[in-house]
C-alpha atoms as a PDB file:
ATOM      1  CA  UNK A   1       0.237   0.406   0.032  1.00  0.00           C
ATOM      2  CA  UNK A   2       1.119   3.723  -1.170  1.00  0.00           C
ATOM      3  CA  UNK A   3       1.919   6.070   1.606  1.00  0.00           C
ATOM      4  CA  UNK A   4      -0.685   8.068   0.993  1.00  0.00           C
ATOM      5  CA  UNK A   5      -3.125   4.676   1.181  1.00  0.00           C
ATOM      6  CA  UNK A   6      -1.835   4.023   4.638  1.00  0.00           C
ATOM      7  CA  UNK A   7      -2.273   7.518   5.826  1.00  0.00           C
ATOM      8  CA  UNK A   8      -5.833   7.573   4.346  1.00  0.00           C
ATOM      9  CA  UNK A   9      -7.014   4.822   6.496  1.00  0.00           C
ATOM     10  CA  UNK A  10      -5.750   6.085   9.875  1.00  0.00           C
ATOM     11  CA  UNK A  11      -6.956   7.652  12.846  1.00  0.00           C
ATOM     12  CA  UNK A  12      -5.763  10.902  12.913  1.00  0.00           C
ATOM     13  CA  UNK A  13      -5.349  13.120  16.349  1.00  0.00           C
ATOM     14  CA  UNK A  14      -7.351  14.411  18.640  1.00  0.00           C
ATOM     15  CA  UNK A  15      -9.522  17.809  18.759  1.00  0.00           C
ATOM     16  CA  UNK A  16     -10.390  18.881  22.080  1.00  0.00           C
ATOM     17  CA  UNK A  17     -13.040  21.320  21.621  1.00  0.00           C
ATOM     18  CA  UNK A  18     -14.699  23.347  24.699  1.00  0.00           C
ATOM     19  CA  UNK A  19     -15.203  27.221  26.269  1.00  0.00           C
ATOM     20  CA  UNK A  20     -12.739  28.655  28.832  1.00  0.00           C
ATOM     21  CA  UNK A  21     -12.157  26.260  31.863  1.00  0.00           C
ATOM     22  CA  UNK A  22     -13.756  23.193  30.543  1.00  0.00           C
ATOM     23  CA  UNK A  23     -10.283  21.628  31.087  1.00  0.00           C
ATOM     24  CA  UNK A  24      -8.430  21.297  27.262  1.00  0.00           C
ATOM     25  CA  UNK A  25      -5.166  22.148  28.726  1.00  0.00           C
ATOM     26  CA  UNK A  26      -5.495  19.877  31.888  1.00  0.00           C
ATOM     27  CA  UNK A  27      -6.735  17.085  29.664  1.00  0.00           C
ATOM     28  CA  UNK A  28      -4.033  17.346  27.395  1.00  0.00           C
ATOM     29  CA  UNK A  29      -1.511  17.218  29.887  1.00  0.00           C
ATOM     30  CA  UNK A  30      -3.490  14.572  31.204  1.00  0.00           C
ATOM     31  CA  UNK A  31      -3.026  12.126  28.293  1.00  0.00           C
ATOM     32  CA  UNK A  32       0.157  12.864  27.862  1.00  0.00           C
ATOM     33  CA  UNK A  33       0.842  11.738  30.702  1.00  0.00           C
ATOM     34  CA  UNK A  34      -1.170   8.854  30.290  1.00  0.00           C
ATOM     35  CA  UNK A  35       0.657   7.721  27.151  1.00  0.00           C
ATOM     36  CA  UNK A  36       3.450   9.876  25.824  1.00  0.00           C
ATOM     37  CA  UNK A  37       2.464   9.297  22.066  1.00  0.00           C
ATOM     38  CA  UNK A  38       0.030  12.460  23.294  1.00  0.00           C
ATOM     39  CA  UNK A  39       1.498  15.359  22.386  1.00  0.00           C
ATOM     40  CA  UNK A  40       0.059  19.186  22.104  1.00  0.00           C
ATOM     41  CA  UNK A  41       0.960  20.857  18.482  1.00  0.00           C
ATOM     42  CA  UNK A  42       2.475  23.925  18.472  1.00  0.00           C
ATOM     43  CA  UNK A  43       0.704  26.714  16.216  1.00  0.00           C
ATOM     44  CA  UNK A  44       2.209  29.266  14.364  1.00  0.00           C
ATOM     45  CA  UNK A  45       1.587  32.693  15.797  1.00  0.00           C
ATOM     46  CA  UNK A  46       1.870  35.530  14.076  1.00  0.00           C
ATOM     47  CA  UNK A  47       1.503  39.072  16.308  1.00  0.00           C
ATOM     48  CA  UNK A  48       2.219  39.759  20.537  1.00  0.00           C
ATOM     49  CA  UNK A  49       1.727  38.685  23.952  1.00  0.00           C
ATOM     50  CA  UNK A  50       2.468  34.990  25.193  1.00  0.00           C
ATOM     51  CA  UNK A  51       5.232  33.119  22.852  1.00  0.00           C
ATOM     52  CA  UNK A  52       5.228  29.902  25.346  1.00  0.00           C
ATOM     53  CA  UNK A  53       3.809  27.202  23.783  1.00  0.00           C
ATOM     54  CA  UNK A  54       4.091  28.901  20.165  1.00  0.00           C
ATOM     55  CA  UNK A  55       5.824  28.641  16.893  1.00  0.00           C
ATOM     56  CA  UNK A  56       6.715  32.655  16.473  1.00  0.00           C
ATOM     57  CA  UNK A  57       6.867  34.008  12.752  1.00  0.00           C
ATOM     58  CA  UNK A  58       5.942  37.398  10.908  1.00  0.00           C
ATOM     59  CA  UNK A  59       3.364  38.021   8.545  1.00  0.00           C
ATOM     60  CA  UNK A  60       6.034  37.415   5.384  1.00  0.00           C
ATOM     61  CA  UNK A  61       6.506  33.586   6.525  1.00  0.00           C
ATOM     62  CA  UNK A  62       3.149  33.281   6.975  1.00  0.00           C
ATOM     63  CA  UNK A  63       2.512  34.103   4.171  1.00  0.00           C
ATOM     64  CA  UNK A  64       4.817  31.837   2.474  1.00  0.00           C
ATOM     65  CA  UNK A  65       2.898  29.253   3.941  1.00  0.00           C
ATOM     66  CA  UNK A  66      -0.146  30.366   2.752  1.00  0.00           C
ATOM     67  CA  UNK A  67       0.986  30.146  -0.786  1.00  0.00           C
ATOM     68  CA  UNK A  68       2.641  26.780  -0.425  1.00  0.00           C
ATOM     69  CA  UNK A  69      -0.470  25.499   0.769  1.00  0.00           C
ATOM     70  CA  UNK A  70       0.405  24.250   3.974  1.00  0.00           C
ATOM     71  CA  UNK A  71      -1.821  25.945   6.500  1.00  0.00           C
ATOM     72  CA  UNK A  72      -4.978  23.646   7.548  1.00  0.00           C
ATOM     73  CA  UNK A  73      -6.581  26.558   9.459  1.00  0.00           C
ATOM     74  CA  UNK A  74      -5.733  30.491  10.560  1.00  0.00           C
ATOM     75  CA  UNK A  75      -7.404  32.347  13.105  1.00  0.00           C
ATOM     76  CA  UNK A  76      -7.564  35.766  14.557  1.00  0.00           C
ATOM     77  CA  UNK A  77      -7.905  36.730  17.857  1.00  0.00           C
ATOM     78  CA  UNK A  78      -6.656  39.595  20.283  1.00  0.00           C
ATOM     79  CA  UNK A  79      -4.812  40.844  17.142  1.00  0.00           C
ATOM     80  CA  UNK A  80      -3.177  38.274  16.701  1.00  0.00           C
ATOM     81  CA  UNK A  81      -2.884  35.252  13.902  1.00  0.00           C
ATOM     82  CA  UNK A  82      -2.850  31.546  15.077  1.00  0.00           C
ATOM     83  CA  UNK A  83      -2.289  28.588  12.046  1.00  0.00           C
ATOM     84  CA  UNK A  84      -1.807  25.323  11.843  1.00  0.00           C
ATOM     85  CA  UNK A  85       1.175  23.881   9.476  1.00  0.00           C
ATOM     86  CA  UNK A  86       0.237  20.996   7.495  1.00  0.00           C
ATOM     87  CA  UNK A  87       3.576  19.678   7.654  1.00  0.00           C
ATOM     88  CA  UNK A  88       3.468  19.927  11.233  1.00  0.00           C
ATOM     89  CA  UNK A  89       0.676  17.948  11.562  1.00  0.00           C
ATOM     90  CA  UNK A  90       2.104  15.160   9.046  1.00  0.00           C
ATOM     91  CA  UNK A  91       5.549  14.952  11.302  1.00  0.00           C
ATOM     92  CA  UNK A  92       3.907  14.094  14.265  1.00  0.00           C
ATOM     93  CA  UNK A  93       1.624  11.325  12.359  1.00  0.00           C
ATOM     94  CA  UNK A  94       4.162  10.011  10.555  1.00  0.00           C
ATOM     95  CA  UNK A  95       6.201   9.523  13.819  1.00  0.00           C
ATOM     96  CA  UNK A  96       4.003   8.067  15.576  1.00  0.00           C
ATOM     97  CA  UNK A  97       2.959  10.688  17.715  1.00  0.00           C
ATOM     98  CA  UNK A  98      -0.753  11.919  18.354  1.00  0.00           C
ATOM     99  CA  UNK A  99      -1.338  15.567  17.807  1.00  0.00           C
ATOM    100  CA  UNK A 100      -3.727  17.042  20.324  1.00  0.00           C
ATOM    101  CA  UNK A 101      -5.151  20.354  18.790  1.00  0.00           C
ATOM    102  CA  UNK A 102      -7.814  22.964  20.784  1.00  0.00           C
ATOM    103  CA  UNK A 103     -10.444  24.745  19.114  1.00  0.00           C
ATOM    104  CA  UNK A 104     -13.145  26.902  19.980  1.00  0.00           C
ATOM    105  CA  UNK A 105     -15.389  26.935  17.190  1.00  0.00           C
ATOM    106  CA  UNK A 106     -17.203  25.225  15.221  1.00  0.00           C
ATOM    107  CA  UNK A 107     -17.272  26.853  11.666  1.00  0.00           C
ATOM    108  CA  UNK A 108     -12.444  26.222  12.756  1.00  0.00           C
ATOM    109  CA  UNK A 109     -13.730  22.594  13.477  1.00  0.00           C
ATOM    110  CA  UNK A 110     -15.582  22.280  10.105  1.00  0.00           C
ATOM    111  CA  UNK A 111     -12.789  23.762   8.324  1.00  0.00           C
ATOM    112  CA  UNK A 112     -10.348  21.709  10.098  1.00  0.00           C
ATOM    113  CA  UNK A 113     -11.491  18.529  10.242  1.00  0.00           C
ATOM    114  CA  UNK A 114     -12.284  19.035   6.522  1.00  0.00           C
ATOM    115  CA  UNK A 115      -8.576  20.490   5.347  1.00  0.00           C
ATOM    116  CA  UNK A 116      -7.246  16.977   7.308  1.00  0.00           C
ATOM    117  CA  UNK A 117      -5.664  14.349   5.107  1.00  0.00           C
ATOM    118  CA  UNK A 118      -6.929  11.626   8.433  1.00  0.00           C
ATOM    119  CA  UNK A 119     -10.043  11.377  10.136  1.00  0.00           C
ATOM    120  CA  UNK A 120      -9.635  12.905  13.803  1.00  0.00           C
ATOM    121  CA  UNK A 121     -11.624  11.936  17.048  1.00  0.00           C
ATOM    122  CA  UNK A 122     -13.350  15.489  17.997  1.00  0.00           C
ATOM    123  CA  UNK A 123     -14.020  15.720  21.403  1.00  0.00           C
ATOM    124  CA  UNK A 124     -16.465  18.242  22.937  1.00  0.00           C
ATOM    125  CA  UNK A 125     -15.445  19.297  27.251  1.00  0.00           C
ATOM    126  CA  UNK A 126     -17.954  20.895  28.416  1.00  0.00           C
ATOM    127  CA  UNK A 127     -18.643  22.515  32.009  1.00  0.00           C
ATOM    128  CA  UNK A 128     -21.751  24.440  33.292  1.00  0.00           C
ATOM    129  CA  UNK A 129     -21.394  28.063  33.104  1.00  0.00           C
ATOM    130  CA  UNK A 130     -21.402  28.203  36.893  1.00  0.00           C
ATOM    131  CA  UNK A 131     -18.362  26.180  36.929  1.00  0.00           C
ATOM    132  CA  UNK A 132     -16.568  28.082  34.841  1.00  0.00           C
ATOM    133  CA  UNK A 133     -16.569  31.243  37.331  1.00  0.00           C
ATOM    134  CA  UNK A 134     -16.101  29.189  39.978  1.00  0.00           C
ATOM    135  CA  UNK A 135     -12.701  27.408  38.114  1.00  0.00           C
ATOM    136  CA  UNK A 136     -11.732  30.586  36.832  1.00  0.00           C
ATOM    137  CA  UNK A 137     -11.740  32.830  39.952  1.00  0.00           C
ATOM    138  CA  UNK A 138      -9.919  29.553  42.096  1.00  0.00           C
ATOM    139  CA  UNK A 139      -6.928  29.912  39.531  1.00  0.00           C
ATOM    140  CA  UNK A 140      -6.698  33.412  40.199  1.00  0.00           C
ATOM    141  CA  UNK A 141      -8.081  34.988  36.799  1.00  0.00           C
ATOM    142  CA  UNK A 142      -7.951  38.757  36.559  1.00  0.00           C
ATOM    143  CA  UNK A 143     -10.556  38.716  33.188  1.00  0.00           C
ATOM    144  CA  UNK A 144     -13.405  36.293  34.975  1.00  0.00           C
ATOM    145  CA  UNK A 145     -16.469  38.046  32.864  1.00  0.00           C
ATOM    146  CA  UNK A 146     -14.468  37.274  29.323  1.00  0.00           C
ATOM    147  CA  UNK A 147     -14.386  33.901  30.105  1.00  0.00           C
ATOM    148  CA  UNK A 148     -17.871  33.809  30.550  1.00  0.00           C
ATOM    149  CA  UNK A 149     -18.768  35.684  27.370  1.00  0.00           C
ATOM    150  CA  UNK A 150     -16.489  33.282  25.916  1.00  0.00           C
ATOM    151  CA  UNK A 151     -18.331  30.589  27.737  1.00  0.00           C
ATOM    152  CA  UNK A 152     -21.786  32.516  26.683  1.00  0.00           C
ATOM    153  CA  UNK A 153     -20.877  32.454  23.109  1.00  0.00           C
ATOM    154  CA  UNK A 154     -19.603  28.593  22.832  1.00  0.00           C
ATOM    155  CA  UNK A 155     -23.407  27.913  24.036  1.00  0.00           C
ATOM    156  CA  UNK A 156     -24.906  29.981  21.340  1.00  0.00           C
ATOM    157  CA  UNK A 157     -22.077  28.515  18.500  1.00  0.00           C
ATOM    158  CA  UNK A 158     -22.965  25.031  19.720  1.00  0.00           C
ATOM    159  CA  UNK A 159     -27.168  25.429  20.019  1.00  0.00           C
ATOM    160  CA  UNK A 160     -26.408  26.431  16.421  1.00  0.00           C
ATOM    161  CA  UNK A 161     -25.011  23.360  14.799  1.00  0.00           C
ATOM    162  CA  UNK A 162     -28.006  21.701  12.563  1.00  0.00           C
ATOM    163  CA  UNK A 163     -29.911  19.237  14.455  1.00  0.00           C
ATOM    164  CA  UNK A 164     -28.772  16.815  11.505  1.00  0.00           C
ATOM    165  CA  UNK A 165     -25.192  17.333  12.087  1.00  0.00           C
ATOM    166  CA  UNK A 166     -23.183  15.529  14.744  1.00  0.00           C
ATOM    167  CA  UNK A 167     -19.648  16.897  15.105  1.00  0.00           C
ATOM    168  CA  UNK A 168     -18.587  14.834  17.910  1.00  0.00           C
ATOM    169  CA  UNK A 169     -17.564  11.386  19.050  1.00  0.00           C
ATOM    170  CA  UNK A 170     -17.294  12.413  22.841  1.00  0.00           C
ATOM    171  CA  UNK A 171     -19.278  14.982  24.819  1.00  0.00           C
ATOM    172  CA  UNK A 172     -17.844  14.410  28.472  1.00  0.00           C
ATOM    173  CA  UNK A 173     -18.578  16.812  31.263  1.00  0.00           C
ATOM    174  CA  UNK A 174     -15.115  17.589  32.872  1.00  0.00           C
ATOM    175  CA  UNK A 175     -16.733  18.260  36.062  1.00  0.00           C
ATOM    176  CA  UNK A 176     -18.065  15.071  36.801  1.00  0.00           C
ATOM    177  CA  UNK A 177     -15.361  12.552  35.547  1.00  0.00           C
ATOM    178  CA  UNK A 178     -11.321  13.701  36.902  1.00  0.00           C
ATOM    179  CA  UNK A 179      -8.487  14.352  34.009  1.00  0.00           C
ATOM    180  CA  UNK A 180      -7.250  11.175  34.228  1.00  0.00           C
ATOM    181  CA  UNK A 181     -10.325   9.421  33.774  1.00  0.00           C
ATOM    182  CA  UNK A 182     -11.745  11.762  30.773  1.00  0.00           C
ATOM    183  CA  UNK A 183      -8.470  11.392  29.157  1.00  0.00           C
ATOM    184  CA  UNK A 184      -8.693   7.605  29.460  1.00  0.00           C
ATOM    185  CA  UNK A 185     -12.117   7.845  27.664  1.00  0.00           C
ATOM    186  CA  UNK A 186     -10.215   9.919  25.001  1.00  0.00           C
ATOM    187  CA  UNK A 187      -7.503   7.320  24.515  1.00  0.00           C
ATOM    188  CA  UNK A 188     -10.158   4.779  24.582  1.00  0.00           C
ATOM    189  CA  UNK A 189     -11.905   6.244  21.610  1.00  0.00           C
ATOM    190  CA  UNK A 190      -9.333   7.409  19.865  1.00  0.00           C
ATOM    191  CA  UNK A 191      -8.198   3.484  19.892  1.00  0.00           C
ATOM    192  CA  UNK A 192     -10.843   2.033  18.560  1.00  0.00           C
ATOM    193  CA  UNK A 193     -10.460   4.151  15.908  1.00  0.00           C
ATOM    194  CA  UNK A 194     -13.460   7.172  16.753  1.00  0.00           C
ATOM    195  CA  UNK A 195     -16.005   4.658  14.672  1.00  0.00           C
ATOM    196  CA  UNK A 196     -18.811   6.206  16.309  1.00  0.00           C
ATOM    197  CA  UNK A 197     -20.125   9.716  16.432  1.00  0.00           C
ATOM    198  CA  UNK A 198     -22.138  10.705  19.284  1.00  0.00           C
ATOM    199  CA  UNK A 199     -26.167   9.905  19.435  1.00  0.00           C
ATOM    200  CA  UNK A 200     -28.115  12.254  17.685  1.00  0.00           C
ATOM    201  CA  UNK A 201     -29.049  14.888  19.845  1.00  0.00           C
ATOM    202  CA  UNK A 202     -27.118  14.368  22.429  1.00  0.00           C
ATOM    203  CA  UNK A 203     -25.555  17.489  22.004  1.00  0.00           C
ATOM    204  CA  UNK A 204     -28.478  19.305  22.410  1.00  0.00           C
ATOM    205  CA  UNK A 205     -29.486  17.213  25.558  1.00  0.00           C
ATOM    206  CA  UNK A 206     -25.800  17.665  26.914  1.00  0.00           C
ATOM    207  CA  UNK A 207     -26.283  21.656  26.695  1.00  0.00           C
ATOM    208  CA  UNK A 208     -29.568  21.668  27.696  1.00  0.00           C
ATOM    209  CA  UNK A 209     -28.464  20.122  31.114  1.00  0.00           C
ATOM    210  CA  UNK A 210     -25.905  22.085  31.994  1.00  0.00           C
ATOM    211  CA  UNK A 211     -26.974  25.584  31.065  1.00  0.00           C
ATOM    212  CA  UNK A 212     -30.728  25.780  32.577  1.00  0.00           C
ATOM    213  CA  UNK A 213     -29.846  23.061  35.618  1.00  0.00           C
ATOM    214  CA  UNK A 214     -26.224  24.000  35.908  1.00  0.00           C
ATOM    215  CA  UNK A 215     -26.383  20.198  38.061  1.00  0.00           C
END
């Protein structure tokens, strides 16, 4: 079988999707401790602010990557541009690593899954709004109101998903499981090849319960 054929049959990495404080970083760390093959993808960043965890680039380099067709997706937030380089993904998968990519927009999720060469496991990490506020305060955030606004945006974004579209394989409430338990569920689904999407209606039920009952 050709290398391209082998790649097409393999499951790629894991998309962790969720609002602030849902646990994307924590679950990523737990996955890495559970299995050293898991590794968070280093995104390309053009702009200012935090540099740790990013591959910093200038506009010219980003333009060159775009012209070469290497950008799986790019987003702009807070005046900075963040991008996923296809070569980075391929290098990780070709060497046996399992990339972890964090996303927070359904449109970005659609763009990403349409652009990557392999099928990826897509996981929604969710917490009620009250838990988001509590976690934000406990970790000393100075912008808890902004975190809650982002939670509200994520809820509206997910509620707008058509009833006949199920973008996720797993829907997990991280306030109901510890990080290692959540990571184990993700790793199991990935090992099984992400054969099943979540049941129809599961997303609407999760959002309704978490938003209204705050349980």
